[in-house]
C-alpha atoms as a PDB file:
ATOM      1  CA  UNK A   1     111.863 110.522 124.468  1.00  0.00           C
ATOM      2  CA  UNK A   2     113.805 113.448 125.921  1.00  0.00           C
ATOM      3  CA  UNK A   3     112.924 114.114 129.583  1.00  0.00           C
ATOM      4  CA  UNK A   4     110.923 117.211 130.446  1.00  0.00           C
ATOM      5  CA  UNK A   5     112.866 119.868 132.318  1.00  0.00           C
ATOM      6  CA  UNK A   6     110.095 119.764 134.921  1.00  0.00           C
ATOM      7  CA  UNK A   7     106.837 117.948 135.574  1.00  0.00           C
ATOM      8  CA  UNK A   8     104.355 119.950 137.619  1.00  0.00           C
ATOM      9  CA  UNK A   9     102.088 117.777 139.759  1.00  0.00           C
ATOM     10  CA  UNK A  10      98.795 119.578 140.358  1.00  0.00           C
ATOM     11  CA  UNK A  11      96.768 121.804 138.029  1.00  0.00           C
ATOM     12  CA  UNK A  12      95.408 124.315 140.511  1.00  0.00           C
ATOM     13  CA  UNK A  13      96.160 128.054 140.416  1.00  0.00           C
ATOM     14  CA  UNK A  14      99.748 127.574 141.634  1.00  0.00           C
ATOM     15  CA  UNK A  15     100.371 124.664 139.252  1.00  0.00           C
ATOM     16  CA  UNK A  16      99.113 126.903 136.441  1.00  0.00           C
ATOM     17  CA  UNK A  17     101.433 129.684 137.620  1.00  0.00           C
ATOM     18  CA  UNK A  18     104.339 127.211 137.529  1.00  0.00           C
ATOM     19  CA  UNK A  19     103.442 126.243 133.963  1.00  0.00           C
ATOM     20  CA  UNK A  20     103.407 129.883 132.853  1.00  0.00           C
ATOM     21  CA  UNK A  21     106.800 130.515 134.459  1.00  0.00           C
ATOM     22  CA  UNK A  22     108.234 127.389 132.826  1.00  0.00           C
ATOM     23  CA  UNK A  23     107.047 128.720 129.450  1.00  0.00           C
ATOM     24  CA  UNK A  24     108.633 132.098 130.114  1.00  0.00           C
ATOM     25  CA  UNK A  25     111.955 130.483 131.042  1.00  0.00           C
ATOM     26  CA  UNK A  26     111.938 128.299 127.924  1.00  0.00           C
ATOM     27  CA  UNK A  27     111.696 125.104 129.969  1.00  0.00           C
ATOM     28  CA  UNK A  28     109.977 121.981 128.685  1.00  0.00           C
ATOM     29  CA  UNK A  29     107.198 121.026 131.081  1.00  0.00           C
ATOM     30  CA  UNK A  30     103.960 119.135 131.624  1.00  0.00           C
ATOM     31  CA  UNK A  31     101.271 119.775 134.213  1.00  0.00           C
ATOM     32  CA  UNK A  32      99.674 116.555 135.505  1.00  0.00           C
ATOM     33  CA  UNK A  33      96.227 117.020 137.091  1.00  0.00           C
ATOM     34  CA  UNK A  34      94.105 114.148 138.375  1.00  0.00           C
ATOM     35  CA  UNK A  35      90.847 116.003 137.761  1.00  0.00           C
ATOM     36  CA  UNK A  36      89.661 118.987 135.765  1.00  0.00           C
ATOM     37  CA  UNK A  37      91.340 122.400 135.524  1.00  0.00           C
ATOM     38  CA  UNK A  38      91.650 123.806 139.077  1.00  0.00           C
ATOM     39  CA  UNK A  39      89.967 120.652 140.355  1.00  0.00           C
ATOM     40  CA  UNK A  40      89.934 121.715 144.019  1.00  0.00           C
ATOM     41  CA  UNK A  41      88.208 125.006 143.212  1.00  0.00           C
ATOM     42  CA  UNK A  42      85.687 123.126 141.082  1.00  0.00           C
ATOM     43  CA  UNK A  43      84.737 121.063 144.144  1.00  0.00           C
ATOM     44  CA  UNK A  44      84.204 124.098 146.376  1.00  0.00           C
ATOM     45  CA  UNK A  45      80.564 124.891 147.317  1.00  0.00           C
ATOM     46  CA  UNK A  46      78.535 126.133 144.361  1.00  0.00           C
ATOM     47  CA  UNK A  47      77.894 129.710 145.507  1.00  0.00           C
ATOM     48  CA  UNK A  48      81.145 130.247 147.398  1.00  0.00           C
ATOM     49  CA  UNK A  49      82.775 133.675 147.409  1.00  0.00           C
ATOM     50  CA  UNK A  50      86.483 134.109 148.115  1.00  0.00           C
ATOM     51  CA  UNK A  51      87.875 135.935 151.123  1.00  0.00           C
ATOM     52  CA  UNK A  52      90.441 137.591 148.819  1.00  0.00           C
ATOM     53  CA  UNK A  53      89.684 140.281 146.279  1.00  0.00           C
ATOM     54  CA  UNK A  54      90.106 139.399 142.605  1.00  0.00           C
ATOM     55  CA  UNK A  55      93.481 141.096 142.134  1.00  0.00           C
ATOM     56  CA  UNK A  56      94.978 138.893 144.837  1.00  0.00           C
ATOM     57  CA  UNK A  57      93.947 135.797 142.873  1.00  0.00           C
ATOM     58  CA  UNK A  58      95.602 136.969 139.667  1.00  0.00           C
ATOM     59  CA  UNK A  59      98.423 135.019 138.020  1.00  0.00           C
ATOM     60  CA  UNK A  60     101.285 136.610 136.094  1.00  0.00           C
ATOM     61  CA  UNK A  61      99.587 140.008 136.159  1.00  0.00           C
ATOM     62  CA  UNK A  62      96.683 138.763 134.010  1.00  0.00           C
ATOM     63  CA  UNK A  63      93.681 140.869 135.134  1.00  0.00           C
ATOM     64  CA  UNK A  64      90.896 139.076 136.973  1.00  0.00           C
ATOM     65  CA  UNK A  65      87.818 141.219 136.381  1.00  0.00           C
ATOM     66  CA  UNK A  66      84.924 140.587 138.753  1.00  0.00           C
ATOM     67  CA  UNK A  67      81.664 142.464 139.202  1.00  0.00           C
ATOM     68  CA  UNK A  68      81.829 141.667 142.913  1.00  0.00           C
ATOM     69  CA  UNK A  69      84.136 142.938 145.651  1.00  0.00           C
ATOM     70  CA  UNK A  70      84.809 139.291 146.535  1.00  0.00           C
ATOM     71  CA  UNK A  71      84.736 137.070 143.431  1.00  0.00           C
ATOM     72  CA  UNK A  72      82.642 133.926 143.276  1.00  0.00           C
ATOM     73  CA  UNK A  73      83.736 130.381 142.471  1.00  0.00           C
ATOM     74  CA  UNK A  74      82.139 130.536 139.014  1.00  0.00           C
ATOM     75  CA  UNK A  75      84.194 133.632 138.136  1.00  0.00           C
ATOM     76  CA  UNK A  76      87.423 131.991 139.326  1.00  0.00           C
ATOM     77  CA  UNK A  77      86.756 128.870 137.252  1.00  0.00           C
ATOM     78  CA  UNK A  78      86.252 131.033 134.169  1.00  0.00           C
ATOM     79  CA  UNK A  79      89.398 133.063 134.885  1.00  0.00           C
ATOM     80  CA  UNK A  80      91.761 130.118 135.344  1.00  0.00           C
ATOM     81  CA  UNK A  81      90.260 128.144 132.444  1.00  0.00           C
ATOM     82  CA  UNK A  82      90.799 131.090 130.111  1.00  0.00           C
ATOM     83  CA  UNK A  83      94.428 131.352 131.209  1.00  0.00           C
ATOM     84  CA  UNK A  84      95.063 127.663 130.487  1.00  0.00           C
ATOM     85  CA  UNK A  85      93.431 128.032 127.077  1.00  0.00           C
ATOM     86  CA  UNK A  86      94.948 131.357 126.029  1.00  0.00           C
ATOM     87  CA  UNK A  87      98.467 130.341 127.112  1.00  0.00           C
ATOM     88  CA  UNK A  88      97.995 126.888 125.588  1.00  0.00           C
ATOM     89  CA  UNK A  89      99.493 125.282 128.671  1.00  0.00           C
ATOM     90  CA  UNK A  90     100.639 121.674 128.361  1.00  0.00           C
ATOM     91  CA  UNK A  91      98.185 120.330 130.926  1.00  0.00           C
ATOM     92  CA  UNK A  92      97.215 116.640 131.113  1.00  0.00           C
ATOM     93  CA  UNK A  93      93.784 116.390 132.751  1.00  0.00           C
ATOM     94  CA  UNK A  94      92.085 113.470 134.528  1.00  0.00           C
ATOM     95  CA  UNK A  95      95.456 111.790 134.877  1.00  0.00           C
ATOM     96  CA  UNK A  96      96.611 110.785 138.361  1.00  0.00           C
ATOM     97  CA  UNK A  97     100.240 110.303 139.360  1.00  0.00           C
ATOM     98  CA  UNK A  98     100.511 106.768 140.725  1.00  0.00           C
ATOM     99  CA  UNK A  99     104.255 106.295 141.189  1.00  0.00           C
ATOM    100  CA  UNK A 100     107.454 108.330 141.096  1.00  0.00           C
ATOM    101  CA  UNK A 101     110.850 106.633 140.768  1.00  0.00           C
ATOM    102  CA  UNK A 102     114.161 108.441 141.104  1.00  0.00           C
ATOM    103  CA  UNK A 103     116.511 107.785 138.219  1.00  0.00           C
ATOM    104  CA  UNK A 104     120.152 108.738 137.833  1.00  0.00           C
ATOM    105  CA  UNK A 105     119.588 111.504 136.901  1.00  0.00           C
ATOM    106  CA  UNK A 106     115.988 112.705 137.097  1.00  0.00           C
ATOM    107  CA  UNK A 107     112.687 110.967 137.716  1.00  0.00           C
ATOM    108  CA  UNK A 108     110.248 108.554 136.119  1.00  0.00           C
ATOM    109  CA  UNK A 109     106.630 109.540 136.694  1.00  0.00           C
ATOM    110  CA  UNK A 110     103.933 106.930 136.174  1.00  0.00           C
ATOM    111  CA  UNK A 111     100.341 108.080 135.860  1.00  0.00           C
ATOM    112  CA  UNK A 112      96.996 106.425 135.251  1.00  0.00           C
ATOM    113  CA  UNK A 113      97.604 106.941 131.504  1.00  0.00           C
ATOM    114  CA  UNK A 114     101.305 107.413 130.692  1.00  0.00           C
ATOM    115  CA  UNK A 115     104.910 107.156 131.843  1.00  0.00           C
ATOM    116  CA  UNK A 116     107.017 110.332 131.742  1.00  0.00           C
ATOM    117  CA  UNK A 117     110.584 111.272 132.494  1.00  0.00           C
ATOM    118  CA  UNK A 118     111.655 114.583 133.987  1.00  0.00           C
ATOM    119  CA  UNK A 119     114.767 116.229 135.373  1.00  0.00           C
ATOM    120  CA  UNK A 120     112.771 117.980 138.122  1.00  0.00           C
ATOM    121  CA  UNK A 121     109.402 117.846 139.861  1.00  0.00           C
ATOM    122  CA  UNK A 122     107.282 120.750 141.126  1.00  0.00           C
ATOM    123  CA  UNK A 123     104.686 119.496 143.607  1.00  0.00           C
ATOM    124  CA  UNK A 124     101.642 121.773 143.844  1.00  0.00           C
ATOM    125  CA  UNK A 125      99.038 119.326 145.129  1.00  0.00           C
ATOM    126  CA  UNK A 126      97.205 121.520 147.648  1.00  0.00           C
ATOM    127  CA  UNK A 127      95.303 119.959 150.543  1.00  0.00           C
ATOM    128  CA  UNK A 128      91.603 119.749 149.633  1.00  0.00           C
ATOM    129  CA  UNK A 129      91.520 116.089 148.618  1.00  0.00           C
ATOM    130  CA  UNK A 130      92.006 114.505 152.062  1.00  0.00           C
ATOM    131  CA  UNK A 131      89.468 115.494 154.750  1.00  0.00           C
ATOM    132  CA  UNK A 132      90.216 115.352 158.459  1.00  0.00           C
ATOM    133  CA  UNK A 133      88.135 112.430 159.669  1.00  0.00           C
ATOM    134  CA  UNK A 134      86.025 112.393 162.821  1.00  0.00           C
ATOM    135  CA  UNK A 135      87.092 108.858 163.633  1.00  0.00           C
ATOM    136  CA  UNK A 136      83.749 107.805 165.102  1.00  0.00           C
ATOM    137  CA  UNK A 137      81.438 104.825 164.500  1.00  0.00           C
ATOM    138  CA  UNK A 138      79.038 105.453 161.628  1.00  0.00           C
ATOM    139  CA  UNK A 139      81.255 107.931 159.767  1.00  0.00           C
ATOM    140  CA  UNK A 140      81.124 105.627 156.751  1.00  0.00           C
ATOM    141  CA  UNK A 141      77.314 105.871 156.474  1.00  0.00           C
ATOM    142  CA  UNK A 142      76.032 107.306 153.154  1.00  0.00           C
ATOM    143  CA  UNK A 143      74.456 110.252 154.966  1.00  0.00           C
ATOM    144  CA  UNK A 144      77.878 111.581 156.029  1.00  0.00           C
ATOM    145  CA  UNK A 145      79.862 113.896 153.774  1.00  0.00           C
ATOM    146  CA  UNK A 146      83.091 115.859 154.215  1.00  0.00           C
ATOM    147  CA  UNK A 147      82.228 118.108 151.265  1.00  0.00           C
ATOM    148  CA  UNK A 148      79.365 120.516 150.701  1.00  0.00           C
ATOM    149  CA  UNK A 149      77.996 121.703 147.369  1.00  0.00           C
ATOM    150  CA  UNK A 150      74.424 123.000 147.261  1.00  0.00           C
ATOM    151  CA  UNK A 151      71.887 123.744 150.034  1.00  0.00           C
ATOM    152  CA  UNK A 152      68.816 122.696 148.043  1.00  0.00           C
ATOM    153  CA  UNK A 153      69.513 119.016 148.749  1.00  0.00           C
ATOM    154  CA  UNK A 154      69.093 119.564 152.518  1.00  0.00           C
ATOM    155  CA  UNK A 155      65.747 121.396 152.511  1.00  0.00           C
ATOM    156  CA  UNK A 156      63.393 120.141 155.276  1.00  0.00           C
ATOM    157  CA  UNK A 157      66.071 117.790 156.614  1.00  0.00           C
ATOM    158  CA  UNK A 158      67.742 117.547 160.020  1.00  0.00           C
ATOM    159  CA  UNK A 159      71.342 118.504 159.220  1.00  0.00           C
ATOM    160  CA  UNK A 160      74.308 118.465 161.599  1.00  0.00           C
ATOM    161  CA  UNK A 161      77.182 120.697 160.495  1.00  0.00           C
ATOM    162  CA  UNK A 162      80.406 119.795 162.282  1.00  0.00           C
ATOM    163  CA  UNK A 163      82.978 122.571 162.574  1.00  0.00           C
ATOM    164  CA  UNK A 164      83.101 126.339 162.985  1.00  0.00           C
ATOM    165  CA  UNK A 165      85.287 127.483 160.098  1.00  0.00           C
ATOM    166  CA  UNK A 166      84.298 129.500 157.024  1.00  0.00           C
ATOM    167  CA  UNK A 167      83.118 126.418 155.135  1.00  0.00           C
ATOM    168  CA  UNK A 168      80.996 125.155 158.046  1.00  0.00           C
ATOM    169  CA  UNK A 169      79.425 128.545 158.734  1.00  0.00           C
ATOM    170  CA  UNK A 170      78.665 129.203 155.052  1.00  0.00           C
ATOM    171  CA  UNK A 171      77.025 125.780 154.702  1.00  0.00           C
ATOM    172  CA  UNK A 172      74.965 126.181 157.880  1.00  0.00           C
ATOM    173  CA  UNK A 173      73.618 129.599 156.868  1.00  0.00           C
ATOM    174  CA  UNK A 174      72.805 128.552 153.304  1.00  0.00           C
ATOM    175  CA  UNK A 175      71.037 125.349 154.388  1.00  0.00           C
ATOM    176  CA  UNK A 176      69.050 127.239 157.032  1.00  0.00           C
ATOM    177  CA  UNK A 177      67.907 129.751 154.400  1.00  0.00           C
ATOM    178  CA  UNK A 178      66.770 126.913 152.114  1.00  0.00           C
ATOM    179  CA  UNK A 179      64.594 125.410 154.826  1.00  0.00           C
ATOM    180  CA  UNK A 180      66.921 122.902 156.452  1.00  0.00           C
ATOM    181  CA  UNK A 181      66.926 122.390 160.226  1.00  0.00           C
ATOM    182  CA  UNK A 182      70.560 123.038 161.112  1.00  0.00           C
ATOM    183  CA  UNK A 183      72.456 122.018 164.230  1.00  0.00           C
ATOM    184  CA  UNK A 184      76.064 123.160 164.635  1.00  0.00           C
ATOM    185  CA  UNK A 185      78.403 120.775 166.478  1.00  0.00           C
ATOM    186  CA  UNK A 186      81.454 122.781 167.545  1.00  0.00           C
ATOM    187  CA  UNK A 187      84.417 121.355 169.447  1.00  0.00           C
ATOM    188  CA  UNK A 188      85.477 124.815 170.670  1.00  0.00           C
ATOM    189  CA  UNK A 189      83.707 127.418 172.748  1.00  0.00           C
ATOM    190  CA  UNK A 190      82.650 129.704 169.900  1.00  0.00           C
ATOM    191  CA  UNK A 191      82.405 130.236 166.158  1.00  0.00           C
ATOM    192  CA  UNK A 192      85.896 130.512 164.664  1.00  0.00           C
ATOM    193  CA  UNK A 193      87.584 133.912 164.868  1.00  0.00           C
ATOM    194  CA  UNK A 194      88.851 133.597 161.283  1.00  0.00           C
ATOM    195  CA  UNK A 195      85.344 133.310 159.835  1.00  0.00           C
ATOM    196  CA  UNK A 196      84.763 136.079 157.258  1.00  0.00           C
ATOM    197  CA  UNK A 197      84.084 139.305 159.140  1.00  0.00           C
ATOM    198  CA  UNK A 198      80.876 140.020 157.207  1.00  0.00           C
ATOM    199  CA  UNK A 199      79.523 136.483 157.817  1.00  0.00           C
ATOM    200  CA  UNK A 200      80.370 135.850 161.473  1.00  0.00           C
ATOM    201  CA  UNK A 201      77.792 138.340 162.913  1.00  0.00           C
ATOM    202  CA  UNK A 202      75.093 136.761 160.741  1.00  0.00           C
ATOM    203  CA  UNK A 203      75.824 133.346 162.206  1.00  0.00           C
ATOM    204  CA  UNK A 204      75.993 134.643 165.797  1.00  0.00           C
ATOM    205  CA  UNK A 205      72.605 136.340 165.373  1.00  0.00           C
ATOM    206  CA  UNK A 206      71.005 133.198 163.933  1.00  0.00           C
ATOM    207  CA  UNK A 207      72.255 131.211 166.926  1.00  0.00           C
ATOM    208  CA  UNK A 208      71.122 133.882 169.366  1.00  0.00           C
ATOM    209  CA  UNK A 209      67.583 133.970 167.950  1.00  0.00           C
ATOM    210  CA  UNK A 210      67.401 130.158 167.877  1.00  0.00           C
ATOM    211  CA  UNK A 211      67.114 129.773 164.102  1.00  0.00           C
ATOM    212  CA  UNK A 212      70.246 127.603 164.127  1.00  0.00           C
ATOM    213  CA  UNK A 213      70.952 125.326 167.085  1.00  0.00           C
ATOM    214  CA  UNK A 214      74.540 125.274 168.317  1.00  0.00           C
ATOM    215  CA  UNK A 215      76.285 122.874 170.702  1.00  0.00           C
ATOM    216  CA  UNK A 216      79.661 124.266 171.773  1.00  0.00           C
ATOM    217  CA  UNK A 217      82.464 122.347 173.510  1.00  0.00           C
ATOM    218  CA  UNK A 218      80.783 119.305 171.986  1.00  0.00           C
ATOM    219  CA  UNK A 219      81.878 116.387 169.802  1.00  0.00           C
ATOM    220  CA  UNK A 220      80.042 113.648 167.933  1.00  0.00           C
ATOM    221  CA  UNK A 221      80.777 110.226 169.414  1.00  0.00           C
ATOM    222  CA  UNK A 222      78.577 108.105 167.143  1.00  0.00           C
ATOM    223  CA  UNK A 223      76.544 108.501 163.956  1.00  0.00           C
ATOM    224  CA  UNK A 224      73.414 106.393 163.528  1.00  0.00           C
ATOM    225  CA  UNK A 225      70.919 106.029 160.678  1.00  0.00           C
ATOM    226  CA  UNK A 226      68.416 108.491 162.163  1.00  0.00           C
ATOM    227  CA  UNK A 227      70.403 110.286 164.835  1.00  0.00           C
ATOM    228  CA  UNK A 228      73.785 111.368 166.165  1.00  0.00           C
ATOM    229  CA  UNK A 229      75.206 110.897 169.648  1.00  0.00           C
ATOM    230  CA  UNK A 230      77.120 113.881 171.039  1.00  0.00           C
ATOM    231  CA  UNK A 231      79.138 114.504 174.192  1.00  0.00           C
ATOM    232  CA  UNK A 232      79.238 118.009 175.638  1.00  0.00           C
ATOM    233  CA  UNK A 233      78.723 120.149 178.747  1.00  0.00           C
ATOM    234  CA  UNK A 234      75.246 118.636 179.244  1.00  0.00           C
ATOM    235  CA  UNK A 235      76.608 115.109 179.032  1.00  0.00           C
ATOM    236  CA  UNK A 236      75.661 112.608 176.352  1.00  0.00           C
ATOM    237  CA  UNK A 237      72.737 113.459 174.094  1.00  0.00           C
ATOM    238  CA  UNK A 238      71.133 111.761 171.110  1.00  0.00           C
ATOM    239  CA  UNK A 239      69.855 114.202 168.495  1.00  0.00           C
ATOM    240  CA  UNK A 240      67.600 113.481 165.502  1.00  0.00           C
ATOM    241  CA  UNK A 241      69.544 113.621 162.251  1.00  0.00           C
ATOM    242  CA  UNK A 242      69.173 112.947 158.529  1.00  0.00           C
ATOM    243  CA  UNK A 243      72.567 114.173 157.254  1.00  0.00           C
ATOM    244  CA  UNK A 244      75.984 115.018 158.677  1.00  0.00           C
ATOM    245  CA  UNK A 245      78.306 117.537 157.030  1.00  0.00           C
ATOM    246  CA  UNK A 246      81.685 117.034 158.697  1.00  0.00           C
ATOM    247  CA  UNK A 247      83.431 120.201 157.530  1.00  0.00           C
ATOM    248  CA  UNK A 248      86.419 119.839 159.832  1.00  0.00           C
ATOM    249  CA  UNK A 249      89.166 120.815 157.416  1.00  0.00           C
ATOM    250  CA  UNK A 250      91.552 119.030 155.095  1.00  0.00           C
ATOM    251  CA  UNK A 251      95.212 118.051 154.916  1.00  0.00           C
ATOM    252  CA  UNK A 252      97.952 117.608 152.314  1.00  0.00           C
ATOM    253  CA  UNK A 253      98.761 114.172 150.918  1.00  0.00           C
ATOM    254  CA  UNK A 254     101.589 113.462 153.358  1.00  0.00           C
ATOM    255  CA  UNK A 255     101.923 109.887 152.114  1.00  0.00           C
ATOM    256  CA  UNK A 256     102.773 111.156 148.627  1.00  0.00           C
ATOM    257  CA  UNK A 257     105.381 113.567 150.012  1.00  0.00           C
ATOM    258  CA  UNK A 258     106.957 110.826 152.111  1.00  0.00           C
ATOM    259  CA  UNK A 259     107.184 108.510 149.100  1.00  0.00           C
ATOM    260  CA  UNK A 260     109.114 111.258 147.342  1.00  0.00           C
ATOM    261  CA  UNK A 261     111.495 111.335 150.306  1.00  0.00           C
ATOM    262  CA  UNK A 262     110.453 114.811 151.447  1.00  0.00           C
ATOM    263  CA  UNK A 263     111.299 115.245 155.122  1.00  0.00           C
ATOM    264  CA  UNK A 264     108.407 116.328 157.374  1.00  0.00           C
ATOM    265  CA  UNK A 265     108.635 117.894 160.832  1.00  0.00           C
ATOM    266  CA  UNK A 266     108.153 115.492 163.743  1.00  0.00           C
ATOM    267  CA  UNK A 267     105.399 117.549 165.379  1.00  0.00           C
ATOM    268  CA  UNK A 268     101.687 117.546 164.593  1.00  0.00           C
ATOM    269  CA  UNK A 269     102.135 120.251 161.953  1.00  0.00           C
ATOM    270  CA  UNK A 270     104.155 117.912 159.702  1.00  0.00           C
ATOM    271  CA  UNK A 271     105.665 120.813 157.772  1.00  0.00           C
ATOM    272  CA  UNK A 272     107.811 119.740 154.811  1.00  0.00           C
ATOM    273  CA  UNK A 273     111.434 120.808 154.592  1.00  0.00           C
ATOM    274  CA  UNK A 274     112.377 123.167 151.757  1.00  0.00           C
ATOM    275  CA  UNK A 275     114.767 125.977 150.885  1.00  0.00           C
ATOM    276  CA  UNK A 276     112.881 129.256 151.291  1.00  0.00           C
ATOM    277  CA  UNK A 277     114.914 130.896 148.506  1.00  0.00           C
ATOM    278  CA  UNK A 278     114.374 128.210 145.848  1.00  0.00           C
ATOM    279  CA  UNK A 279     111.463 126.089 147.200  1.00  0.00           C
ATOM    280  CA  UNK A 280     113.589 122.954 146.632  1.00  0.00           C
ATOM    281  CA  UNK A 281     112.948 120.286 149.253  1.00  0.00           C
ATOM    282  CA  UNK A 282     115.559 118.151 150.987  1.00  0.00           C
ATOM    283  CA  UNK A 283     115.298 115.898 147.915  1.00  0.00           C
ATOM    284  CA  UNK A 284     117.332 117.366 145.053  1.00  0.00           C
ATOM    285  CA  UNK A 285     115.118 118.224 142.100  1.00  0.00           C
ATOM    286  CA  UNK A 286     111.860 118.032 144.089  1.00  0.00           C
ATOM    287  CA  UNK A 287     110.291 121.476 144.560  1.00  0.00           C
ATOM    288  CA  UNK A 288     107.224 122.411 146.610  1.00  0.00           C
ATOM    289  CA  UNK A 289     104.707 125.107 145.685  1.00  0.00           C
ATOM    290  CA  UNK A 290     101.549 126.526 147.231  1.00  0.00           C
ATOM    291  CA  UNK A 291      99.627 125.481 150.310  1.00  0.00           C
ATOM    292  CA  UNK A 292     101.353 122.086 150.548  1.00  0.00           C
ATOM    293  CA  UNK A 293     104.357 123.960 151.978  1.00  0.00           C
ATOM    294  CA  UNK A 294     102.520 124.617 155.237  1.00  0.00           C
ATOM    295  CA  UNK A 295     101.796 121.029 156.226  1.00  0.00           C
ATOM    296  CA  UNK A 296      98.902 121.093 158.676  1.00  0.00           C
ATOM    297  CA  UNK A 297      99.201 124.885 158.964  1.00  0.00           C
ATOM    298  CA  UNK A 298      96.681 125.242 156.184  1.00  0.00           C
ATOM    299  CA  UNK A 299      95.996 128.880 157.100  1.00  0.00           C
ATOM    300  CA  UNK A 300      99.503 130.073 156.190  1.00  0.00           C
ATOM    301  CA  UNK A 301      99.713 129.745 152.400  1.00  0.00           C
ATOM    302  CA  UNK A 302      97.021 130.920 150.000  1.00  0.00           C
ATOM    303  CA  UNK A 303      96.874 131.693 146.278  1.00  0.00           C
ATOM    304  CA  UNK A 304      97.681 135.336 146.952  1.00  0.00           C
ATOM    305  CA  UNK A 305     100.938 134.776 148.842  1.00  0.00           C
ATOM    306  CA  UNK A 306     102.201 131.568 147.208  1.00  0.00           C
ATOM    307  CA  UNK A 307     102.093 132.801 143.608  1.00  0.00           C
ATOM    308  CA  UNK A 308     105.715 133.841 144.169  1.00  0.00           C
ATOM    309  CA  UNK A 309     106.749 130.185 144.439  1.00  0.00           C
ATOM    310  CA  UNK A 310     106.407 129.701 140.672  1.00  0.00           C
ATOM    311  CA  UNK A 311     109.108 132.177 139.534  1.00  0.00           C
ATOM    312  CA  UNK A 312     111.378 131.041 142.388  1.00  0.00           C
ATOM    313  CA  UNK A 313     111.144 127.396 141.301  1.00  0.00           C
ATOM    314  CA  UNK A 314     111.424 127.897 137.558  1.00  0.00           C
ATOM    315  CA  UNK A 315     114.187 130.457 137.980  1.00  0.00           C
ATOM    316  CA  UNK A 316     116.231 127.954 139.984  1.00  0.00           C
ATOM    317  CA  UNK A 317     115.611 125.134 137.495  1.00  0.00           C
ATOM    318  CA  UNK A 318     116.593 127.388 134.579  1.00  0.00           C
ATOM    319  CA  UNK A 319     119.756 128.469 136.383  1.00  0.00           C
ATOM    320  CA  UNK A 320     120.738 124.838 137.071  1.00  0.00           C
ATOM    321  CA  UNK A 321     120.118 123.959 133.438  1.00  0.00           C
ATOM    322  CA  UNK A 322     122.428 126.752 132.261  1.00  0.00           C
ATOM    323  CA  UNK A 323     125.172 125.672 134.626  1.00  0.00           C
ATOM    324  CA  UNK A 324     125.303 122.114 133.252  1.00  0.00           C
END
């Protein structure tokens, strides 16, 4: 079998954008996605709205029509699914990449279903699959989750929400409004400054009136079956608890990048090395696209500003192909 010009690893919005650009450049390609179409978006909270407006989420100038100023998850799923279908993208779903071997030339890509060969790789794996762990006893209890979906489940329950980002604040407000007893556990001194400007005052008012309890400069030190132990300005406290939502952020799959030979910075940010003009990493033929480019700086790259990676990558691959 003739090798693909490029295999795109990841079927999120930027992986889809890469597939479209490969089509436009006449490159043979396959998109490998371990879950469903835009799997990370599918696993976002059910009623989530985006910070960005719909036009900033558009791919290849294809209009994203929303009845809301800030589109909802359900609208985004419909938009990206329709693109995959209408463009007939060569996307292989529910197929996880398990091993990549460098050949001479190109790569062999083993997945949970097939073995492929490709001259180049475009890695668009995002960062939502690996949560930042608390690293405390009891974190493996069934009542602990690093993902949040629907508030109905937590009605009339004692729920600790760990974190102060958009996801934590949205979850806390929704659960409170569905009858859950919410306690915020925040390592910093306040609710995050980057929380959506129309949501942050709502949360501050709920804390001020006592509807949502908040413990600032506080961390969980242990999770028990019916309680949590926290350490803060008032010393150690044990609080009643039924469920813990540890919404403390996520990180890219650094292990996968390292296995590909991609060089990461030595600091805590672990930013991968790549050419800013072509998005090619220090490994020839391995390109990076989307939020994975930021390492632990997960607030740098978004759909709206990393869409440009797709034409940069496919343009460079097409140019190399012509020069052979």
